Amino acid sequence: MQYLSMFFWLFFIFSLLTPWLKQRNLELARISLINRIEKGRKSRIIALIHRQETMSILGIPLVRYINIEDSEAVLRAIRLTDPDLPIDIILHTPGGLALAAEQISLALIRHKAKVTVFIPHYAMSGGTMISLAADQIIMDENAVLGPVDPQIGQYPAVSILKVLEDKDKNKIDDETMIQADIARKAIRQVRAFVEKLLVENKCDKEKANKLAQILTEGRWTHDYPITFEEAKELGLCVSYEMPKEIYELMDLYPQNPGKRPSVLYIPLPYKKSISPPNK
């Protein structure tokens, strides 16, 4: 009975420590790879990667987005970087708080050395705003950016204003009228900020005004994917020469392992001259 009780407690302690050790090893692997990339590129790497990770023993996934904690951490990293040292920021985000994205963008635009943004998969909304502060945007050929039109609660600001156009004002409730006033201000503020950001990034004022309007006017839904080709047509400084180490780093940010994977493949490179393994 004593041995059984000891075995139970050992098993319990092991169960508690295993997730922590696994997460710790993952973090060490990330730091090691980031250090290797920094040495190769002679730059400061800042990774702003939002995944749905399981961080606790209960297996509860955390939904991540750009918030004030992110902006504080990025600003701290920039302050610790010599003004003459280039910054490479790796973005993988659905967006988030406009204030946080604007703070990060301003800090990057004020950095004297070259700023490069790497987008291996997507950088939507606030992620796109941060990208506009970079001297160069390197995207995977299949990666996407997104519009930066402001959202008021769960609705796009431009859609709230459309209600005023399509409906008699006497039949609109006070709350909607208040939201419309906020929406009008939000669009004006975000558009002015994006234009200022582009101008400070050596973009022609006329071009900056046009691009700011396109990205904020709500011509698309907020999750519209701006592809590499479209980004180039818009006049953004984009390239698709993505270092393989960036993909390796993304592999160290796995999705929630508790879920059954919906995509399955043999993780080996296949060449035309080599047939896939037999089933």
Protein backbone atom coordinates (compact mmCIF):
# COMPACT_ATOMS: atom_id res chain seq x y z
CA MET A 1 0.00 0.00 0.00
CA GLN A 2 2.88 2.33 0.83
CA TYR A 3 4.51 1.68 -2.55
CA LEU A 4 1.20 2.29 -4.29
CA SER A 5 0.81 5.65 -2.54
CA MET A 6 4.40 6.60 -3.44
CA PHE A 7 3.81 5.62 -7.07
CA PHE A 8 0.64 7.74 -7.14
CA TRP A 9 2.46 10.84 -5.86
CA LEU A 10 5.36 10.33 -8.25
CA PHE A 11 2.91 10.04 -11.13
CA PHE A 12 1.06 13.16 -9.92
CA ILE A 13 4.29 15.22 -9.70
CA PHE A 14 5.42 13.95 -13.11
CA SER A 15 2.05 14.95 -14.61
CA LEU A 16 2.44 18.44 -13.19
CA LEU A 17 6.03 18.90 -14.34
CA THR A 18 5.74 17.42 -17.85
CA PRO A 19 3.79 20.34 -19.44
CA TRP A 20 6.13 22.87 -17.82
CA LEU A 21 9.26 21.02 -18.99
CA LYS A 22 7.85 20.67 -22.49
CA GLN A 23 7.05 24.39 -22.67
CA ARG A 24 10.46 25.26 -21.24
CA ASN A 25 12.29 23.14 -23.85
CA LEU A 26 10.20 24.79 -26.57
CA GLU A 27 11.13 28.26 -25.33
CA LEU A 28 14.84 27.35 -25.20
CA ALA A 29 14.65 26.02 -28.77
CA ARG A 30 13.04 29.29 -29.90
CA ILE A 31 15.70 31.41 -28.20
CA SER A 32 18.48 29.30 -29.69
CA LEU A 33 17.07 29.64 -33.21
CA ILE A 34 16.44 33.38 -32.82
CA ASN A 35 20.05 33.78 -31.67
CA ARG A 36 21.25 31.92 -34.77
CA ILE A 37 19.13 34.10 -37.09
CA GLU A 38 20.41 37.27 -35.39
CA LYS A 39 24.03 36.24 -35.87
CA GLY A 40 23.40 35.42 -39.53
CA ARG A 41 21.55 38.66 -40.31
CA LYS A 42 23.44 40.86 -37.82
CA SER A 43 20.17 42.25 -36.52
CA ARG A 44 17.78 42.24 -33.56
CA ILE A 45 14.96 39.72 -34.02
CA ILE A 46 11.57 40.55 -32.47
CA ALA A 47 8.95 37.84 -32.85
CA LEU A 48 5.31 38.92 -32.52
CA ILE A 49 3.61 35.58 -33.07
CA HIS A 50 0.07 34.87 -31.98
CA ARG A 51 -0.91 31.23 -31.87
CA GLN A 52 -3.54 29.34 -29.91
CA GLU A 53 -1.27 27.52 -27.48
CA THR A 54 -2.03 25.31 -24.50
CA MET A 55 -0.22 26.92 -21.59
CA SER A 56 -1.67 25.17 -18.55
CA ILE A 57 -2.05 21.65 -17.20
CA LEU A 58 -5.79 21.95 -17.79
CA GLY A 59 -5.20 22.21 -21.54
CA ILE A 60 -7.11 25.48 -21.94
CA PRO A 61 -6.14 27.21 -25.23
CA LEU A 62 -5.45 30.95 -25.08
CA VAL A 63 -6.55 33.14 -27.99
CA ARG A 64 -3.81 35.68 -28.71
CA TYR A 65 -3.95 39.15 -30.30
CA ILE A 66 -1.96 42.41 -30.21
CA ASN A 67 -2.46 44.04 -26.82
CA ILE A 68 -0.79 46.56 -24.51
CA GLU A 69 1.49 43.88 -23.04
CA ASP A 70 2.78 43.20 -26.56
CA SER A 71 3.45 46.88 -27.25
CA GLU A 72 5.28 47.25 -23.92
CA ALA A 73 7.49 44.25 -24.70
CA VAL A 74 8.25 45.37 -28.29
CA LEU A 75 9.03 48.92 -27.19
CA ARG A 76 11.35 47.53 -24.50
CA ALA A 77 13.14 45.41 -27.12
CA ILE A 78 13.56 48.44 -29.40
CA ARG A 79 14.96 50.53 -26.52
CA LEU A 80 17.51 47.78 -25.86
CA THR A 81 18.61 47.87 -29.50
CA ASP A 82 21.44 50.13 -30.68
CA PRO A 83 20.03 52.79 -33.07
CA ASP A 84 22.43 51.61 -35.79
CA LEU A 85 21.47 47.91 -35.47
CA PRO A 86 18.80 46.69 -37.95
CA ILE A 87 15.58 45.25 -36.57
CA ASP A 88 13.82 42.22 -38.05
CA ILE A 89 10.30 41.72 -36.77
CA ILE A 90 8.47 38.45 -37.44
CA LEU A 91 4.70 38.96 -37.62
CA HIS A 92 2.03 36.29 -37.37
CA THR A 93 -1.11 37.92 -36.02
CA PRO A 94 -4.84 38.46 -36.65
CA GLY A 95 -4.47 42.04 -35.39
CA GLY A 96 -5.72 43.44 -32.12
CA LEU A 97 -5.81 46.70 -30.18
CA ALA A 98 -5.27 49.74 -32.42
CA LEU A 99 -3.46 51.68 -29.70
CA ALA A 100 -0.90 48.90 -29.21
CA ALA A 101 -0.32 48.53 -32.98
CA GLU A 102 0.12 52.30 -33.35
CA GLN A 103 2.67 52.44 -30.51
CA ILE A 104 4.72 49.64 -32.08
CA SER A 105 4.51 51.30 -35.51
CA LEU A 106 5.75 54.65 -34.20
CA ALA A 107 8.63 53.02 -32.33
CA LEU A 108 9.72 51.15 -35.47
CA ILE A 109 9.47 54.19 -37.73
CA ARG A 110 11.71 56.14 -35.32
CA HIS A 111 14.41 53.46 -35.33
CA LYS A 112 17.33 54.80 -37.36
CA ALA A 113 18.59 51.51 -38.82
CA LYS A 114 16.73 49.37 -41.36
CA VAL A 115 13.51 47.68 -40.22
CA THR A 116 12.36 44.52 -42.00
CA VAL A 117 9.06 42.76 -41.39
CA PHE A 118 8.74 39.03 -42.14
CA ILE A 119 5.25 37.64 -42.74
CA PRO A 120 5.30 33.85 -43.17
CA HIS A 121 1.52 33.42 -43.11
CA TYR A 122 -0.58 36.47 -42.25
CA ALA A 123 -0.47 39.90 -40.58
CA MET A 124 -3.98 41.29 -40.55
CA SER A 125 -5.37 44.63 -39.32
CA GLY A 126 -2.93 45.91 -36.65
CA GLY A 127 -0.30 43.56 -38.09
CA THR A 128 -0.62 45.35 -41.44
CA MET A 129 -0.30 48.71 -39.70
CA ILE A 130 2.97 47.57 -38.10
CA SER A 131 4.18 46.35 -41.50
CA LEU A 132 3.68 49.83 -42.98
CA ALA A 133 6.34 51.13 -40.59
CA ALA A 134 9.00 48.82 -42.07
CA ASP A 135 11.54 49.70 -44.74
CA GLN A 136 10.91 46.31 -46.33
CA ILE A 137 8.13 43.72 -46.07
CA ILE A 138 9.14 40.14 -46.83
CA MET A 139 6.11 37.90 -47.37
CA ASP A 140 5.68 34.28 -48.25
CA GLU A 141 4.18 34.14 -51.74
CA ASN A 142 0.95 32.87 -50.18
CA ALA A 143 0.95 35.16 -47.14
CA VAL A 144 -1.57 37.98 -46.79
CA LEU A 145 -2.03 41.40 -45.25
CA GLY A 146 -5.40 42.97 -44.41
CA PRO A 147 -7.31 46.27 -44.32
CA VAL A 148 -6.86 48.55 -41.30
CA ASP A 149 -10.38 50.01 -41.23
CA PRO A 150 -11.43 50.55 -37.60
CA GLN A 151 -13.99 48.31 -35.89
CA ILE A 152 -16.49 49.64 -33.34
CA GLY A 153 -17.36 46.73 -31.09
CA GLN A 154 -18.32 43.89 -33.41
CA TYR A 155 -19.14 46.09 -36.40
CA PRO A 156 -16.98 47.88 -39.00
CA ALA A 157 -17.04 51.65 -38.50
CA VAL A 158 -17.93 52.24 -42.15
CA SER A 159 -20.95 49.90 -41.89
CA ILE A 160 -22.30 51.86 -38.91
CA LEU A 161 -22.05 55.07 -40.94
CA LYS A 162 -23.88 53.35 -43.81
CA VAL A 163 -26.92 53.03 -41.54
CA LEU A 164 -27.15 56.83 -41.39
CA GLU A 165 -27.16 56.99 -45.18
CA ASP A 166 -29.76 54.28 -45.74
CA LYS A 167 -32.17 54.98 -42.89
CA ASP A 168 -34.22 57.95 -41.73
CA LYS A 169 -32.36 59.53 -38.79
CA ASN A 170 -35.63 59.91 -36.89
CA LYS A 171 -35.93 56.13 -36.87
CA ILE A 172 -32.40 55.47 -35.60
CA ASP A 173 -31.93 54.90 -31.88
CA ASP A 174 -29.59 57.06 -29.79
CA GLU A 175 -27.02 54.29 -29.26
CA THR A 176 -26.56 53.82 -33.00
CA MET A 177 -26.19 57.58 -33.46
CA ILE A 178 -23.49 57.64 -30.77
CA GLN A 179 -21.71 54.69 -32.41
CA ALA A 180 -21.87 56.49 -35.76
CA ASP A 181 -20.20 59.56 -34.24
CA ILE A 182 -17.45 57.35 -32.76
CA ALA A 183 -17.11 55.51 -36.10
CA ARG A 184 -16.63 58.78 -38.01
CA LYS A 185 -13.90 59.89 -35.61
CA ALA A 186 -12.21 56.45 -35.67
CA ILE A 187 -11.99 56.37 -39.46
CA ARG A 188 -10.58 59.91 -39.56
CA GLN A 189 -8.02 59.15 -36.84
CA VAL A 190 -6.80 55.84 -38.29
CA ARG A 191 -6.60 57.27 -41.82
CA ALA A 192 -4.57 60.26 -40.60
CA PHE A 193 -2.26 57.98 -38.63
CA VAL A 194 -1.63 55.62 -41.56
CA GLU A 195 -0.94 58.55 -43.89
CA LYS A 196 1.47 60.09 -41.37
CA LEU A 197 3.19 56.71 -40.95
CA LEU A 198 3.69 56.33 -44.70
CA VAL A 199 4.95 59.89 -45.14
CA GLU A 200 7.47 59.45 -42.32
CA ASN A 201 8.55 56.25 -44.06
CA LYS A 202 9.59 58.34 -47.10
CA CYS A 203 6.39 57.72 -49.06
CA ASP A 204 5.15 60.45 -51.42
CA LYS A 205 2.35 62.45 -49.73
CA GLU A 206 -0.13 61.96 -52.57
CA LYS A 207 0.58 58.23 -52.71
CA ALA A 208 0.39 57.99 -48.91
CA ASN A 209 -3.00 59.71 -48.89
CA LYS A 210 -4.38 57.38 -51.55
CA LEU A 211 -3.05 54.23 -49.87
CA ALA A 212 -4.34 55.33 -46.45
CA GLN A 213 -7.79 55.86 -47.93
CA ILE A 214 -7.80 52.45 -49.64
CA LEU A 215 -6.82 50.64 -46.45
CA THR A 216 -9.25 52.46 -44.15
CA GLU A 217 -12.35 53.26 -46.22
CA GLY A 218 -13.98 49.85 -45.78
CA ARG A 219 -14.08 48.88 -49.45
CA TRP A 220 -13.43 45.29 -48.30
CA THR A 221 -14.48 43.23 -45.30
CA HIS A 222 -12.05 43.46 -42.39
CA ASP A 223 -10.73 39.94 -43.04
CA TYR A 224 -10.13 40.54 -46.77
CA PRO A 225 -6.79 38.98 -47.77
CA ILE A 226 -4.42 41.41 -49.48
CA THR A 227 -2.14 39.06 -51.38
CA PHE A 228 1.49 39.56 -52.28
CA GLU A 229 0.51 40.65 -55.80
CA GLU A 230 -2.10 43.13 -54.53
CA ALA A 231 0.34 44.54 -51.97
CA LYS A 232 2.82 45.16 -54.79
CA GLU A 233 0.14 46.82 -56.91
CA LEU A 234 -0.70 49.11 -53.99
CA GLY A 235 2.93 50.25 -54.02
CA LEU A 236 4.16 48.52 -50.87
CA CYS A 237 7.83 47.53 -50.72
CA VAL A 238 7.29 43.76 -50.63
CA SER A 239 9.57 40.83 -51.42
CA TYR A 240 9.13 37.06 -51.17
CA GLU A 241 12.72 36.08 -50.33
CA MET A 242 11.80 34.47 -47.01
CA PRO A 243 14.72 32.84 -45.12
CA LYS A 244 14.05 29.18 -44.29
CA GLU A 245 14.93 29.86 -40.64
CA ILE A 246 11.73 31.92 -40.31
CA TYR A 247 9.67 28.86 -41.21
CA GLU A 248 11.69 26.80 -38.74
CA LEU A 249 10.85 29.32 -36.02
CA MET A 250 7.15 29.13 -36.87
CA ASP A 251 7.33 25.35 -36.39
CA LEU A 252 8.36 26.03 -32.79
CA TYR A 253 5.02 27.78 -32.20
CA PRO A 254 2.67 24.79 -32.48
CA GLN A 255 -1.10 25.07 -32.38
CA ASN A 256 -3.07 23.60 -29.50
CA PRO A 257 -1.86 19.95 -29.38
CA GLY A 258 -5.05 18.83 -27.65
CA LYS A 259 -7.06 19.18 -30.84
CA ARG A 260 -7.16 16.51 -33.53
CA PRO A 261 -5.18 17.86 -36.52
CA SER A 262 -7.34 18.55 -39.57
CA VAL A 263 -4.30 18.57 -41.89
CA LEU A 264 -2.04 15.54 -42.17
CA TYR A 265 1.00 14.99 -44.39
CA ILE A 266 4.43 13.36 -44.30
CA PRO A 267 6.77 16.23 -43.26
CA LEU A 268 9.48 15.51 -45.84
CA PRO A 269 10.38 17.50 -48.98
CA TYR A 270 9.29 15.70 -52.17
CA LYS A 271 11.09 16.22 -55.47
CA LYS A 272 9.76 15.35 -58.89
CA SER A 273 12.43 12.71 -59.38
CA ILE A 274 11.57 11.02 -56.09
CA SER A 275 8.34 9.10 -55.67
CA PRO A 276 6.39 9.42 -52.42
CA PRO A 277 6.82 6.57 -49.96
CA ASN A 278 4.69 3.47 -50.57
CA LYS A 279 1.52 3.22 -48.56
